[in-house]
Amino acid sequence: MFRNLLWFLIGGAIVAFLVYKWRDLKQRTTPAAVADKLDRTRQSMGARISEFIDTAREASTERETELRDALGLTEDGQVTRP
């Protein structure tokens, strides 16, 4: 008898969990929720791309300065040392 009650409670817990997950999935897949998720992703990607471009520009400028110093060039391309 206790064994049957245990299995009944386990089954009830599984069903409750599945119903909870189903409702959550249903809510996340509404058109408004999907549009909101896409908008947040777009904003996040835009920020990451902008940050990447800024970092690449800084690194490029820094590397150009290092190369100019190593080759003895001025900003206008003139050689400063033999």
C-alpha atoms as a PDB file:
ATOM      1  CA  MET A   1       0.000   0.000   0.000  1.00  0.00           C
ATOM      2  CA  PHE A   2       2.780   2.443   0.890  1.00  0.00           C
ATOM      3  CA  ARG A   3       4.572   1.441  -2.277  1.00  0.00           C
ATOM      4  CA  ASN A   4       1.520   2.372  -4.361  1.00  0.00           C
ATOM      5  CA  LEU A   5       1.193   5.696  -2.529  1.00  0.00           C
ATOM      6  CA  LEU A   6       4.875   6.431  -3.169  1.00  0.00           C
ATOM      7  CA  TRP A   7       4.530   5.777  -6.893  1.00  0.00           C
ATOM      8  CA  PHE A   8       1.352   7.848  -7.007  1.00  0.00           C
ATOM      9  CA  LEU A   9       3.159  10.797  -5.383  1.00  0.00           C
ATOM     10  CA  ILE A  10       6.149  10.416  -7.708  1.00  0.00           C
ATOM     11  CA  GLY A  11       3.819  10.374 -10.708  1.00  0.00           C
ATOM     12  CA  GLY A  12       1.993  13.458  -9.426  1.00  0.00           C
ATOM     13  CA  ALA A  13       5.281  15.299  -8.970  1.00  0.00           C
ATOM     14  CA  ILE A  14       6.365  14.404 -12.505  1.00  0.00           C
ATOM     15  CA  VAL A  15       3.060  15.590 -13.944  1.00  0.00           C
ATOM     16  CA  ALA A  16       3.238  18.851 -11.974  1.00  0.00           C
ATOM     17  CA  PHE A  17       6.785  19.439 -13.233  1.00  0.00           C
ATOM     18  CA  LEU A  18       5.785  18.740 -16.841  1.00  0.00           C
ATOM     19  CA  VAL A  19       2.782  21.076 -16.620  1.00  0.00           C
ATOM     20  CA  TYR A  20       5.024  23.811 -15.192  1.00  0.00           C
ATOM     21  CA  LYS A  21       7.573  23.344 -17.999  1.00  0.00           C
ATOM     22  CA  TRP A  22       4.828  23.272 -20.655  1.00  0.00           C
ATOM     23  CA  ARG A  23       3.365  26.576 -19.438  1.00  0.00           C
ATOM     24  CA  ASP A  24       6.826  28.137 -19.351  1.00  0.00           C
ATOM     25  CA  LEU A  25       7.550  26.962 -22.898  1.00  0.00           C
ATOM     26  CA  LYS A  26       4.165  28.204 -24.087  1.00  0.00           C
ATOM     27  CA  GLN A  27       4.800  31.636 -22.572  1.00  0.00           C
ATOM     28  CA  ARG A  28       8.322  31.896 -24.059  1.00  0.00           C
ATOM     29  CA  THR A  29       7.107  31.063 -27.568  1.00  0.00           C
ATOM     30  CA  THR A  30       4.389  33.696 -27.885  1.00  0.00           C
ATOM     31  CA  PRO A  31       5.020  36.192 -30.690  1.00  0.00           C
ATOM     32  CA  ALA A  32       5.540  39.058 -28.228  1.00  0.00           C
ATOM     33  CA  ALA A  33       8.078  37.072 -26.184  1.00  0.00           C
ATOM     34  CA  VAL A  34       9.989  36.007 -29.306  1.00  0.00           C
ATOM     35  CA  ALA A  35      10.050  39.583 -30.615  1.00  0.00           C
ATOM     36  CA  ASP A  36      11.308  40.838 -27.249  1.00  0.00           C
ATOM     37  CA  LYS A  37      14.053  38.190 -27.179  1.00  0.00           C
ATOM     38  CA  LEU A  38      15.131  39.074 -30.725  1.00  0.00           C
ATOM     39  CA  ASP A  39      15.238  42.776 -29.864  1.00  0.00           C
ATOM     40  CA  ARG A  40      17.415  42.152 -26.793  1.00  0.00           C
ATOM     41  CA  THR A  41      19.719  39.916 -28.838  1.00  0.00           C
ATOM     42  CA  ARG A  42      20.016  42.560 -31.574  1.00  0.00           C
ATOM     43  CA  GLN A  43      20.920  45.239 -29.042  1.00  0.00           C
ATOM     44  CA  SER A  44      23.452  42.976 -27.381  1.00  0.00           C
ATOM     45  CA  MET A  45      25.058  42.035 -30.702  1.00  0.00           C
ATOM     46  CA  GLY A  46      25.225  45.698 -31.714  1.00  0.00           C
ATOM     47  CA  ALA A  47      27.041  46.562 -28.510  1.00  0.00           C
ATOM     48  CA  ARG A  48      29.488  43.676 -28.941  1.00  0.00           C
ATOM     49  CA  ILE A  49      30.222  44.560 -32.558  1.00  0.00           C
ATOM     50  CA  SER A  50      30.758  48.204 -31.658  1.00  0.00           C
ATOM     51  CA  GLU A  51      33.115  47.211 -28.841  1.00  0.00           C
ATOM     52  CA  PHE A  52      35.036  44.904 -31.198  1.00  0.00           C
ATOM     53  CA  ILE A  53      35.437  47.659 -33.789  1.00  0.00           C
ATOM     54  CA  ASP A  54      36.679  50.125 -31.154  1.00  0.00           C
ATOM     55  CA  THR A  55      39.174  47.585 -29.829  1.00  0.00           C
ATOM     56  CA  ALA A  56      40.400  46.762 -33.340  1.00  0.00           C
ATOM     57  CA  ARG A  57      40.885  50.461 -34.139  1.00  0.00           C
ATOM     58  CA  GLU A  58      42.846  51.038 -30.946  1.00  0.00           C
ATOM     59  CA  ALA A  59      45.048  48.001 -31.592  1.00  0.00           C
ATOM     60  CA  SER A  60      45.602  49.055 -35.208  1.00  0.00           C
ATOM     61  CA  THR A  61      46.614  52.564 -34.196  1.00  0.00           C
ATOM     62  CA  GLU A  62      48.929  51.238 -31.497  1.00  0.00           C
ATOM     63  CA  ARG A  63      50.551  48.744 -33.875  1.00  0.00           C
ATOM     64  CA  GLU A  64      50.984  51.406 -36.565  1.00  0.00           C
ATOM     65  CA  THR A  65      52.760  53.642 -34.048  1.00  0.00           C
ATOM     66  CA  GLU A  66      55.043  50.764 -33.053  1.00  0.00           C
ATOM     67  CA  LEU A  67      55.908  50.028 -36.687  1.00  0.00           C
ATOM     68  CA  ARG A  68      56.550  53.686 -37.490  1.00  0.00           C
ATOM     69  CA  ASP A  69      58.901  53.926 -34.504  1.00  0.00           C
ATOM     70  CA  ALA A  70      60.685  50.712 -35.474  1.00  0.00           C
ATOM     71  CA  LEU A  71      61.138  51.858 -39.095  1.00  0.00           C
ATOM     72  CA  GLY A  72      61.939  55.458 -38.191  1.00  0.00           C
ATOM     73  CA  LEU A  73      59.022  56.983 -40.101  1.00  0.00           C
ATOM     74  CA  THR A  74      57.128  60.185 -39.343  1.00  0.00           C
ATOM     75  CA  GLU A  75      53.374  60.637 -39.727  1.00  0.00           C
ATOM     76  CA  ASP A  76      53.794  61.931 -43.297  1.00  0.00           C
ATOM     77  CA  GLY A  77      55.991  58.980 -44.303  1.00  0.00           C
ATOM     78  CA  GLN A  78      59.392  60.669 -44.116  1.00  0.00           C
ATOM     79  CA  VAL A  79      62.333  58.668 -42.809  1.00  0.00           C
ATOM     80  CA  THR A  80      63.823  60.182 -39.648  1.00  0.00           C
ATOM     81  CA  ARG A  81      66.909  57.992 -39.393  1.00  0.00           C
ATOM     82  CA  PRO A  82      69.167  56.299 -41.925  1.00  0.00           C
END
